[in-house]
Amino acid sequence: MRRRLLSSTLVVAVIAVLLLGVPLGVVVSRLIVDEAAQELGAEAKRLVGEVEYARVQETPLDPQQLEQKYPGRFIQIWERGTPLNVTVVGDPPPSGHLMTEDAQTNTGVYVRISRDRDQVEQDVRARLLLIVALAIAALAVAVSLAVVQSRRLTLPLQDLAKIADRLGSGDARPSKHRYGIPELDRVAQVLDRSATRISDLLTREREFATDASHQLRTPLTGLTMRLEEIVASAGEPEVVREEGEAAIVQAERLTAVIDELLAAARRQRHAQAEPVAVDEVLIQQITEWEHVFREAGRTLRLEGTRGLKAMATTGGFGQVIASLLENSLRHGGGAVTVTTTSGDNYVVIEVSDEGPGIADEIAPKIFERNVSGGGGTGLGLTLARALAAADGGRLELVRRRPATFAIFLRPAEDDGRSAGEDGRNRVVSGPA
């Protein structure tokens, strides 16, 4: 491209120089020749007047004085008389190329003055050489400007090509390069926006893969435990049947988790929120986690108001509770209490334990990705908060010591509670 720009600019400059320089050279050469002829004619007329004046004064002509007065001229003067008076001043040019002008009077004075034409032509050549030098200088300037312009155009294009190639290789960092050329700057802006979109897509894909692996781990662990119970109780049909039904529930929950993750990736879960019986989800989660807590020597308690309904998705709400219970199992201590209350604007589910709580230095950023106080992945609380927000609610740390997390959900219009269900009931170590 640079070569084409240089060649095209050079062609245009040559054409412009020829269109301007050739007519200028012709005009200048004619002007010089015409000016020399006019000057020679004026000298002839002036010399005729001087000769006529000398005749009136009866003063003889002085050839040396005329030669000093008209240097470089070959002068011939004829005066009528008997005999004819002829005066010659100077020497004829050695080249024989003469430029001659003459003048005469009515009294019989005839003057012819000549000069060397080669001098005039030399002057014309000098002027033409000057024009040629200026034309060459103009071409050099044009070529220099073409080189600068071509570099200004080609270097940004090469940079844009590198940026596009980097995008194709997976490096989606915006370059934010600008070149001072509106068209190229628009291309750079489009590439930067594309890089931002690609970076967001790649980030969401990586986060989805990480979230999926984290969220699927708990259901898979529960399913594995149920299968182990089935194997251990192979001789007890009733236990096998019970554990098999629980394994089916775990498999269905695993399917629901996958659906929830896919829906969250497509940003569709908020539109799927519906009235959910809070007790059913909590009892299901406590039933699944009770065995794990019992093996760890700890208990699960469900307290608070019964019969509440909130706007959420069953799978998303269940995953939030599961994440909080897993967090308490890993990082907390003592009994874990799940408390439900209701207000005018929210249904609140609190999960607390009796452990040492959360350190002050990580408490402000406990919901940030990859932040963990006990060697965990730092994803559980982040995903739990995102799932709660996707259902139109929120997850907050309401107390640091002991750690207490609260889920705030929008209440359903019909919470399904009767007058007798408005009291506070406690269920210890399992569902009510």
Protein backbone atom coordinates (compact mmCIF):
# COMPACT_ATOMS: atom_id res chain seq x y z
CA MET A 1 0.00 0.00 0.00
CA ARG A 2 2.83 2.38 0.83
CA ARG A 3 4.40 1.81 -2.60
CA ARG A 4 1.11 2.52 -4.33
CA LEU A 5 0.67 5.72 -2.36
CA LEU A 6 4.19 6.87 -3.23
CA SER A 7 3.84 6.05 -6.91
CA SER A 8 0.42 7.70 -7.22
CA THR A 9 1.60 10.81 -5.40
CA LEU A 10 4.72 11.00 -7.57
CA VAL A 11 2.68 10.66 -10.76
CA VAL A 12 0.31 13.41 -9.66
CA ALA A 13 3.24 15.66 -8.71
CA VAL A 14 5.00 15.06 -12.05
CA ILE A 15 1.85 15.86 -13.99
CA ALA A 16 1.30 19.02 -11.95
CA VAL A 17 4.92 20.13 -12.46
CA LEU A 18 4.73 19.49 -16.18
CA LEU A 19 1.42 21.32 -16.53
CA LEU A 20 2.82 24.31 -14.68
CA GLY A 21 6.54 24.17 -15.47
CA VAL A 22 6.47 23.78 -19.28
CA PRO A 23 4.17 26.77 -19.94
CA LEU A 24 6.13 28.77 -17.38
CA GLY A 25 9.43 27.96 -19.14
CA VAL A 26 8.03 28.98 -22.53
CA VAL A 27 6.63 32.22 -21.18
CA VAL A 28 9.83 33.08 -19.33
CA SER A 29 12.03 32.43 -22.39
CA ARG A 30 9.81 34.61 -24.56
CA LEU A 31 9.76 37.35 -21.99
CA ILE A 32 13.56 37.37 -21.79
CA VAL A 33 13.96 37.52 -25.58
CA ASP A 34 11.31 40.21 -25.93
CA GLU A 35 12.82 42.21 -23.11
CA ALA A 36 16.27 42.05 -24.74
CA ALA A 37 14.83 43.14 -28.10
CA GLN A 38 12.95 46.04 -26.51
CA GLU A 39 16.07 47.12 -24.66
CA LEU A 40 18.11 46.99 -27.89
CA GLY A 41 15.47 49.01 -29.76
CA ALA A 42 15.42 51.66 -27.06
CA GLU A 43 19.20 51.93 -27.26
CA ALA A 44 18.98 52.36 -31.06
CA LYS A 45 16.46 55.18 -30.74
CA ARG A 46 18.47 56.89 -28.03
CA LEU A 47 21.65 56.57 -30.14
CA VAL A 48 19.93 58.11 -33.19
CA GLY A 49 18.97 61.10 -31.06
CA GLU A 50 22.52 61.49 -29.83
CA VAL A 51 23.92 61.36 -33.39
CA GLU A 52 21.35 63.88 -34.58
CA TYR A 53 22.24 66.19 -31.70
CA ALA A 54 25.97 65.89 -32.50
CA ARG A 55 25.28 66.81 -36.15
CA VAL A 56 23.34 69.90 -35.12
CA GLN A 57 26.16 70.92 -32.81
CA GLU A 58 28.67 70.00 -35.52
CA THR A 59 30.49 67.85 -33.02
CA PRO A 60 32.23 64.74 -34.30
CA LEU A 61 31.24 61.37 -32.82
CA ASP A 62 33.69 59.81 -30.37
CA PRO A 63 33.72 55.98 -30.90
CA GLN A 64 35.46 55.32 -27.57
CA GLN A 65 32.85 57.28 -25.67
CA LEU A 66 30.05 55.39 -27.46
CA GLU A 67 31.73 52.05 -26.70
CA GLN A 68 31.93 52.94 -23.01
CA LYS A 69 28.33 54.08 -23.02
CA TYR A 70 27.04 50.98 -24.85
CA PRO A 71 29.29 48.12 -23.72
CA GLY A 72 28.91 44.78 -25.43
CA ARG A 73 27.20 46.37 -28.43
CA PHE A 74 28.19 46.37 -32.08
CA ILE A 75 27.11 49.77 -33.48
CA GLN A 76 27.00 50.93 -37.11
CA ILE A 77 26.12 54.56 -37.93
CA TRP A 78 25.50 55.95 -41.42
CA GLU A 79 25.29 59.71 -42.02
CA ARG A 80 24.12 61.10 -45.34
CA GLY A 81 26.66 63.32 -46.96
CA THR A 82 29.33 63.54 -49.59
CA PRO A 83 31.09 61.31 -49.03
CA LEU A 84 28.87 58.97 -46.88
CA ASN A 85 30.08 59.03 -43.29
CA VAL A 86 30.18 55.59 -41.65
CA THR A 87 31.07 55.07 -38.00
CA VAL A 88 31.62 51.61 -36.49
CA VAL A 89 31.81 51.09 -32.71
CA GLY A 90 32.84 47.79 -31.08
CA ASP A 91 33.52 44.37 -32.57
CA PRO A 92 30.97 41.99 -34.02
CA PRO A 93 30.25 38.90 -31.84
CA PRO A 94 32.57 36.00 -32.64
CA SER A 95 29.67 33.54 -32.85
CA GLY A 96 28.03 35.47 -35.63
CA HIS A 97 24.63 35.13 -33.87
CA LEU A 98 23.35 38.68 -33.74
CA MET A 99 20.28 40.31 -32.34
CA THR A 100 19.88 43.54 -34.27
CA GLU A 101 17.67 46.61 -33.99
CA ASP A 102 17.88 49.77 -36.11
CA ALA A 103 16.56 53.31 -36.17
CA GLN A 104 16.74 56.25 -38.58
CA THR A 105 15.81 59.91 -38.97
CA ASN A 106 14.50 61.99 -41.86
CA THR A 107 17.78 63.84 -41.99
CA GLY A 108 19.68 60.81 -43.26
CA VAL A 109 20.98 59.25 -40.03
CA TYR A 110 20.68 55.48 -39.87
CA VAL A 111 21.79 53.48 -36.82
CA ARG A 112 22.03 49.70 -36.41
CA ILE A 113 22.88 48.31 -33.01
CA SER A 114 23.55 44.63 -32.41
CA ARG A 115 24.34 42.32 -29.49
CA ASP A 116 25.35 38.70 -29.11
CA ARG A 117 22.25 36.43 -29.18
CA ASP A 118 24.15 33.74 -27.29
CA GLN A 119 24.13 35.96 -24.19
CA VAL A 120 20.37 36.21 -24.36
CA GLU A 121 20.03 32.46 -24.84
CA GLN A 122 22.39 31.87 -21.93
CA ASP A 123 20.18 34.03 -19.77
CA VAL A 124 17.16 32.02 -20.96
CA ARG A 125 18.90 28.75 -20.09
CA ALA A 126 19.79 30.05 -16.62
CA ARG A 127 16.14 30.92 -15.99
CA LEU A 128 15.01 27.54 -17.30
CA LEU A 129 17.52 25.76 -15.08
CA LEU A 130 16.12 27.69 -12.13
CA ILE A 131 12.60 26.54 -13.07
CA VAL A 132 13.81 22.94 -13.40
CA ALA A 133 15.51 23.15 -10.00
CA LEU A 134 12.31 24.47 -8.46
CA ALA A 135 10.36 21.65 -10.14
CA ILE A 136 12.77 19.06 -8.74
CA ALA A 137 12.49 20.65 -5.30
CA ALA A 138 8.68 20.52 -5.60
CA LEU A 139 8.85 16.84 -6.56
CA ALA A 140 11.14 16.15 -3.60
CA VAL A 141 8.75 17.91 -1.24
CA ALA A 142 5.83 15.98 -2.76
CA VAL A 143 7.67 12.67 -2.31
CA SER A 144 8.57 13.56 1.29
CA LEU A 145 4.96 14.44 2.06
CA ALA A 146 3.85 11.21 0.37
CA VAL A 147 6.26 9.20 2.53
CA VAL A 148 5.00 10.89 5.69
CA GLN A 149 1.37 10.44 4.67
CA SER A 150 1.89 6.83 3.68
CA ARG A 151 3.53 6.08 7.03
CA ARG A 152 0.68 7.85 8.78
CA LEU A 153 -1.82 5.65 6.95
CA THR A 154 -0.01 2.33 6.75
CA LEU A 155 1.35 2.14 10.31
CA PRO A 156 -2.14 2.49 11.87
CA LEU A 157 -3.46 -0.12 9.44
CA GLN A 158 -0.67 -2.48 10.42
CA ASP A 159 -1.45 -1.81 14.09
CA LEU A 160 -5.16 -2.49 13.48
CA ALA A 161 -4.24 -5.74 11.72
CA LYS A 162 -2.19 -6.79 14.76
CA ILE A 163 -5.09 -5.93 17.07
CA ALA A 164 -7.51 -7.97 14.94
CA ASP A 165 -5.06 -10.88 14.89
CA ARG A 166 -4.70 -10.66 18.67
CA LEU A 167 -8.48 -10.76 19.03
CA GLY A 168 -8.60 -13.85 16.85
CA SER A 169 -6.00 -15.55 19.04
CA GLY A 170 -8.08 -14.97 22.20
CA ASP A 171 -6.34 -11.89 23.62
CA ALA A 172 -9.39 -9.67 24.10
CA ARG A 173 -7.75 -6.65 25.70
CA PRO A 174 -8.93 -3.28 24.26
CA SER A 175 -5.97 -1.41 22.80
CA LYS A 176 -7.47 2.12 23.09
CA HIS A 177 -5.11 3.27 20.31
CA ARG A 178 -6.16 6.38 18.39
CA TYR A 179 -4.42 7.70 15.30
CA GLY A 180 -5.86 11.15 14.60
CA ILE A 181 -7.60 9.89 11.44
CA PRO A 182 -11.40 9.80 11.87
CA GLU A 183 -11.96 6.71 9.71
CA LEU A 184 -9.19 4.69 11.36
CA ASP A 185 -10.26 5.89 14.81
CA ARG A 186 -13.78 4.59 14.12
CA VAL A 187 -12.32 1.20 13.14
CA ALA A 188 -10.22 1.19 16.33
CA GLN A 189 -13.31 2.03 18.41
CA VAL A 190 -15.25 -0.83 16.81
CA LEU A 191 -12.38 -3.23 17.51
CA ASP A 192 -12.20 -2.04 21.13
CA ARG A 193 -15.94 -2.58 21.58
CA SER A 194 -15.61 -6.02 20.01
CA ALA A 195 -12.69 -6.81 22.33
CA THR A 196 -14.76 -5.74 25.33
CA ARG A 197 -17.68 -7.91 24.24
CA ILE A 198 -15.41 -10.89 23.58
CA SER A 199 -13.70 -10.38 26.95
CA ASP A 200 -17.09 -10.29 28.68
CA LEU A 201 -18.18 -13.46 26.87
CA LEU A 202 -14.97 -15.27 27.80
CA THR A 203 -15.25 -14.09 31.40
CA ARG A 204 -18.86 -15.26 31.62
CA GLU A 205 -17.91 -18.63 30.12
CA ARG A 206 -15.09 -19.10 32.62
CA GLU A 207 -17.32 -18.00 35.49
CA PHE A 208 -20.07 -20.34 34.31
CA ALA A 209 -17.66 -23.26 34.21
CA THR A 210 -16.37 -22.40 37.69
CA ASP A 211 -19.87 -21.84 39.06
CA ALA A 212 -21.13 -25.08 37.54
CA SER A 213 -18.29 -27.10 39.03
CA HIS A 214 -18.85 -25.52 42.44
CA GLN A 215 -22.63 -25.80 42.48
CA LEU A 216 -22.70 -29.36 41.13
CA ARG A 217 -20.25 -30.60 43.71
CA THR A 218 -22.76 -30.53 46.61
CA PRO A 219 -25.55 -32.46 44.82
CA LEU A 220 -23.03 -34.98 43.54
CA THR A 221 -21.66 -35.42 47.06
CA GLY A 222 -25.16 -36.01 48.40
CA LEU A 223 -25.94 -38.47 45.61
CA THR A 224 -22.70 -40.33 46.33
CA MET A 225 -23.61 -40.57 50.00
CA ARG A 226 -27.03 -42.00 49.16
CA LEU A 227 -25.51 -44.57 46.85
CA GLU A 228 -23.02 -45.54 49.55
CA GLU A 229 -25.92 -46.02 51.98
CA ILE A 230 -27.65 -48.25 49.43
CA VAL A 231 -24.52 -50.37 49.03
CA ALA A 232 -24.01 -50.60 52.79
CA SER A 233 -27.66 -51.62 53.36
CA ALA A 234 -27.95 -54.13 50.53
CA GLY A 235 -29.56 -56.69 52.86
CA GLU A 236 -32.27 -54.31 54.11
CA PRO A 237 -34.86 -53.71 51.36
CA GLU A 238 -36.67 -50.95 53.25
CA VAL A 239 -33.47 -48.93 53.74
CA VAL A 240 -32.47 -49.55 50.11
CA ARG A 241 -35.87 -48.31 48.95
CA GLU A 242 -35.70 -45.22 51.16
CA GLU A 243 -32.15 -44.37 50.12
CA GLY A 244 -33.00 -45.05 46.47
CA GLU A 245 -35.87 -42.59 46.63
CA ALA A 246 -33.53 -40.05 48.25
CA ALA A 247 -30.97 -40.69 45.46
CA ILE A 248 -33.68 -40.02 42.87
CA VAL A 249 -34.46 -36.74 44.64
CA GLN A 250 -30.76 -35.86 44.57
CA ALA A 251 -30.59 -36.65 40.86
CA GLU A 252 -33.62 -34.46 40.23
CA ARG A 253 -32.01 -31.70 42.26
CA LEU A 254 -28.85 -32.11 40.22
CA THR A 255 -30.90 -31.62 37.06
CA ALA A 256 -32.53 -28.55 38.62
CA VAL A 257 -29.12 -27.12 39.49
CA ILE A 258 -27.98 -27.52 35.89
CA ASP A 259 -31.18 -25.83 34.66
CA GLU A 260 -30.70 -22.99 37.12
CA LEU A 261 -27.10 -22.45 36.05
CA LEU A 262 -28.06 -22.38 32.40
CA ALA A 263 -30.92 -20.00 33.08
CA ALA A 264 -28.68 -17.75 35.12
CA ALA A 265 -26.14 -17.75 32.29
CA ARG A 266 -28.90 -16.56 29.96
CA ARG A 267 -30.13 -14.00 32.51
CA GLN A 268 -33.66 -15.49 32.53
CA ARG A 269 -34.16 -16.49 36.19
CA HIS A 270 -35.64 -13.19 37.36
CA ALA A 271 -38.60 -13.65 35.01
CA GLN A 272 -39.13 -17.22 36.36
CA ALA A 273 -39.56 -16.21 40.03
CA GLU A 274 -42.84 -17.50 41.47
CA PRO A 275 -44.40 -18.05 44.89
CA VAL A 276 -42.36 -20.70 46.70
CA ALA A 277 -43.18 -22.38 50.01
CA VAL A 278 -40.20 -21.47 52.15
CA ASP A 279 -40.72 -24.38 54.55
CA GLU A 280 -40.61 -26.99 51.80
CA VAL A 281 -37.25 -25.81 50.50
CA LEU A 282 -35.78 -25.48 54.01
CA ILE A 283 -37.00 -28.93 55.09
CA GLN A 284 -35.60 -30.46 51.90
CA GLN A 285 -32.19 -28.87 52.51
CA ILE A 286 -32.11 -29.79 56.20
CA THR A 287 -33.01 -33.38 55.34
CA GLU A 288 -30.16 -33.57 52.84
CA TRP A 289 -27.59 -31.94 55.12
CA GLU A 290 -28.67 -33.48 58.42
CA HIS A 291 -26.64 -36.66 57.91
CA VAL A 292 -23.46 -34.71 57.11
CA PHE A 293 -23.84 -32.47 60.17
CA ARG A 294 -24.61 -35.48 62.38
CA GLU A 295 -21.40 -37.19 61.24
CA ALA A 296 -19.53 -33.99 62.13
CA GLY A 297 -21.11 -34.02 65.60
CA ARG A 298 -23.22 -30.96 64.95
CA THR A 299 -26.95 -30.27 64.72
CA LEU A 300 -29.30 -28.37 62.45
CA ARG A 301 -32.24 -26.40 63.86
CA LEU A 302 -35.16 -24.80 62.04
CA GLU A 303 -36.90 -21.99 63.89
CA GLY A 304 -39.21 -19.13 63.19
CA THR A 305 -42.50 -18.51 61.44
CA ARG A 306 -44.04 -21.38 59.52
CA GLY A 307 -46.03 -21.31 56.31
CA LEU A 308 -44.23 -18.40 54.66
CA LYS A 309 -44.21 -17.96 50.90
CA ALA A 310 -41.74 -15.82 48.95
CA MET A 311 -41.06 -14.92 45.34
CA ALA A 312 -38.13 -17.08 44.19
CA THR A 313 -37.22 -20.13 42.16
CA THR A 314 -37.12 -23.40 44.01
CA GLY A 315 -33.75 -24.42 42.62
CA GLY A 316 -32.11 -21.03 43.11
CA PHE A 317 -33.41 -20.60 46.67
CA GLY A 318 -32.36 -24.15 47.52
CA GLN A 319 -28.86 -23.53 46.18
CA VAL A 320 -28.53 -20.39 48.30
CA ILE A 321 -29.52 -22.32 51.45
CA ALA A 322 -27.19 -25.19 50.50
CA SER A 323 -24.28 -22.76 50.01
CA LEU A 324 -24.90 -21.18 53.42
CA LEU A 325 -25.16 -24.57 55.14
CA GLU A 326 -21.98 -25.78 53.45
CA ASN A 327 -20.24 -22.56 54.47
CA SER A 328 -21.29 -23.08 58.10
CA LEU A 329 -20.17 -26.71 57.99
CA ARG A 330 -16.74 -25.81 56.61
CA HIS A 331 -15.95 -22.60 58.46
CA GLY A 332 -18.38 -22.43 61.41
CA GLY A 333 -18.90 -24.41 64.56
CA GLY A 334 -21.59 -25.70 66.92
CA ALA A 335 -25.26 -25.88 66.08
CA VAL A 336 -26.57 -24.23 62.93
CA THR A 337 -29.89 -22.43 63.22
CA VAL A 338 -32.12 -21.51 60.29
CA THR A 339 -34.65 -18.84 61.33
CA THR A 340 -37.54 -17.55 59.23
CA THR A 341 -39.34 -14.25 59.84
CA SER A 342 -41.53 -11.97 57.77
CA GLY A 343 -42.05 -8.23 57.50
CA ASP A 344 -43.97 -5.81 55.38
CA ASN A 345 -41.46 -5.85 52.52
CA TYR A 346 -39.38 -9.00 52.90
CA VAL A 347 -39.39 -12.61 53.98
CA VAL A 348 -36.14 -13.09 55.90
CA ILE A 349 -34.29 -16.40 56.29
CA GLU A 350 -31.30 -16.24 58.63
CA VAL A 351 -28.59 -18.93 58.83
CA SER A 352 -26.31 -18.68 61.87
CA ASP A 353 -23.90 -20.91 63.76
CA GLU A 354 -21.90 -20.81 66.97
CA GLY A 355 -18.44 -20.65 65.42
CA PRO A 356 -15.72 -17.99 65.76
CA GLY A 357 -17.31 -15.83 63.05
CA ILE A 358 -15.72 -13.88 60.22
CA ALA A 359 -12.47 -11.95 60.51
CA ASP A 360 -12.76 -8.18 60.32
CA GLU A 361 -10.31 -7.88 57.43
CA ILE A 362 -12.35 -10.06 55.08
CA ALA A 363 -15.86 -9.20 56.30
CA PRO A 364 -16.32 -6.16 53.97
CA LYS A 365 -15.39 -8.25 50.95
CA ILE A 366 -16.80 -11.62 51.98
CA PHE A 367 -19.08 -11.73 48.92
CA GLU A 368 -16.31 -10.95 46.45
CA ARG A 369 -15.14 -13.66 44.12
CA ASN A 370 -12.17 -15.79 45.30
CA VAL A 371 -12.31 -14.34 48.84
CA SER A 372 -12.23 -17.00 51.56
CA GLY A 373 -11.18 -17.03 55.18
CA GLY A 374 -10.58 -20.76 55.53
CA GLY A 375 -8.84 -22.03 52.42
CA GLY A 376 -12.02 -22.51 50.40
CA THR A 377 -12.63 -21.65 46.77
CA GLY A 378 -14.19 -18.27 47.56
CA LEU A 379 -17.08 -18.94 45.16
CA GLY A 380 -19.95 -20.22 47.32
CA LEU A 381 -21.07 -16.93 48.85
CA THR A 382 -20.51 -15.08 45.57
CA LEU A 383 -22.75 -17.50 43.71
CA ALA A 384 -25.30 -17.52 46.52
CA ARG A 385 -25.60 -13.74 46.43
CA ALA A 386 -25.88 -13.76 42.63
CA LEU A 387 -28.64 -16.40 42.77
CA ALA A 388 -30.53 -14.43 45.43
CA ALA A 389 -30.26 -11.26 43.35
CA ALA A 390 -31.45 -13.14 40.27
CA ASP A 391 -34.66 -14.02 42.20
CA GLY A 392 -35.18 -10.36 43.08
CA GLY A 393 -33.84 -10.69 46.61
CA ARG A 394 -30.53 -10.17 48.34
CA LEU A 395 -28.07 -11.95 50.63
CA GLU A 396 -26.35 -10.00 53.41
CA LEU A 397 -23.95 -10.61 56.28
CA VAL A 398 -25.96 -9.23 59.20
CA ARG A 399 -23.60 -10.26 62.03
CA ARG A 400 -19.91 -11.12 62.01
CA ARG A 401 -19.60 -13.02 65.34
CA PRO A 402 -21.11 -15.49 65.34
CA ALA A 403 -21.55 -15.44 61.61
CA THR A 404 -25.16 -14.80 60.58
CA PHE A 405 -26.28 -14.52 56.98
CA ALA A 406 -29.75 -13.31 56.01
CA ILE A 407 -31.66 -13.87 52.78
CA PHE A 408 -34.22 -11.19 51.96
CA LEU A 409 -36.91 -12.31 49.50
CA ARG A 410 -39.98 -10.56 48.20
CA PRO A 411 -43.11 -11.89 49.93
CA ALA A 412 -45.75 -13.57 47.82
CA GLU A 413 -49.14 -11.88 47.74
CA ASP A 414 -50.75 -14.92 49.39
CA ASP A 415 -48.41 -16.30 52.04
CA GLY A 416 -50.79 -19.19 52.84
CA ARG A 417 -50.64 -18.71 56.60
CA SER A 418 -53.59 -19.31 58.87
CA ALA A 419 -54.19 -17.72 62.20
CA GLY A 420 -52.96 -20.78 63.99
CA GLU A 421 -49.75 -20.87 62.00
CA ASP A 422 -48.54 -17.45 62.98
CA GLY A 423 -46.73 -18.66 66.05
CA ARG A 424 -43.10 -19.56 66.36
CA ASN A 425 -42.35 -23.29 66.27
CA ARG A 426 -39.01 -24.99 66.66
CA VAL A 427 -37.86 -28.10 64.84
CA VAL A 428 -34.68 -29.67 66.16
CA SER A 429 -32.40 -31.93 64.15
CA GLY A 430 -34.52 -32.30 61.03
CA PRO A 431 -37.72 -31.27 59.36
CA ALA A 432 -40.85 -30.39 61.28
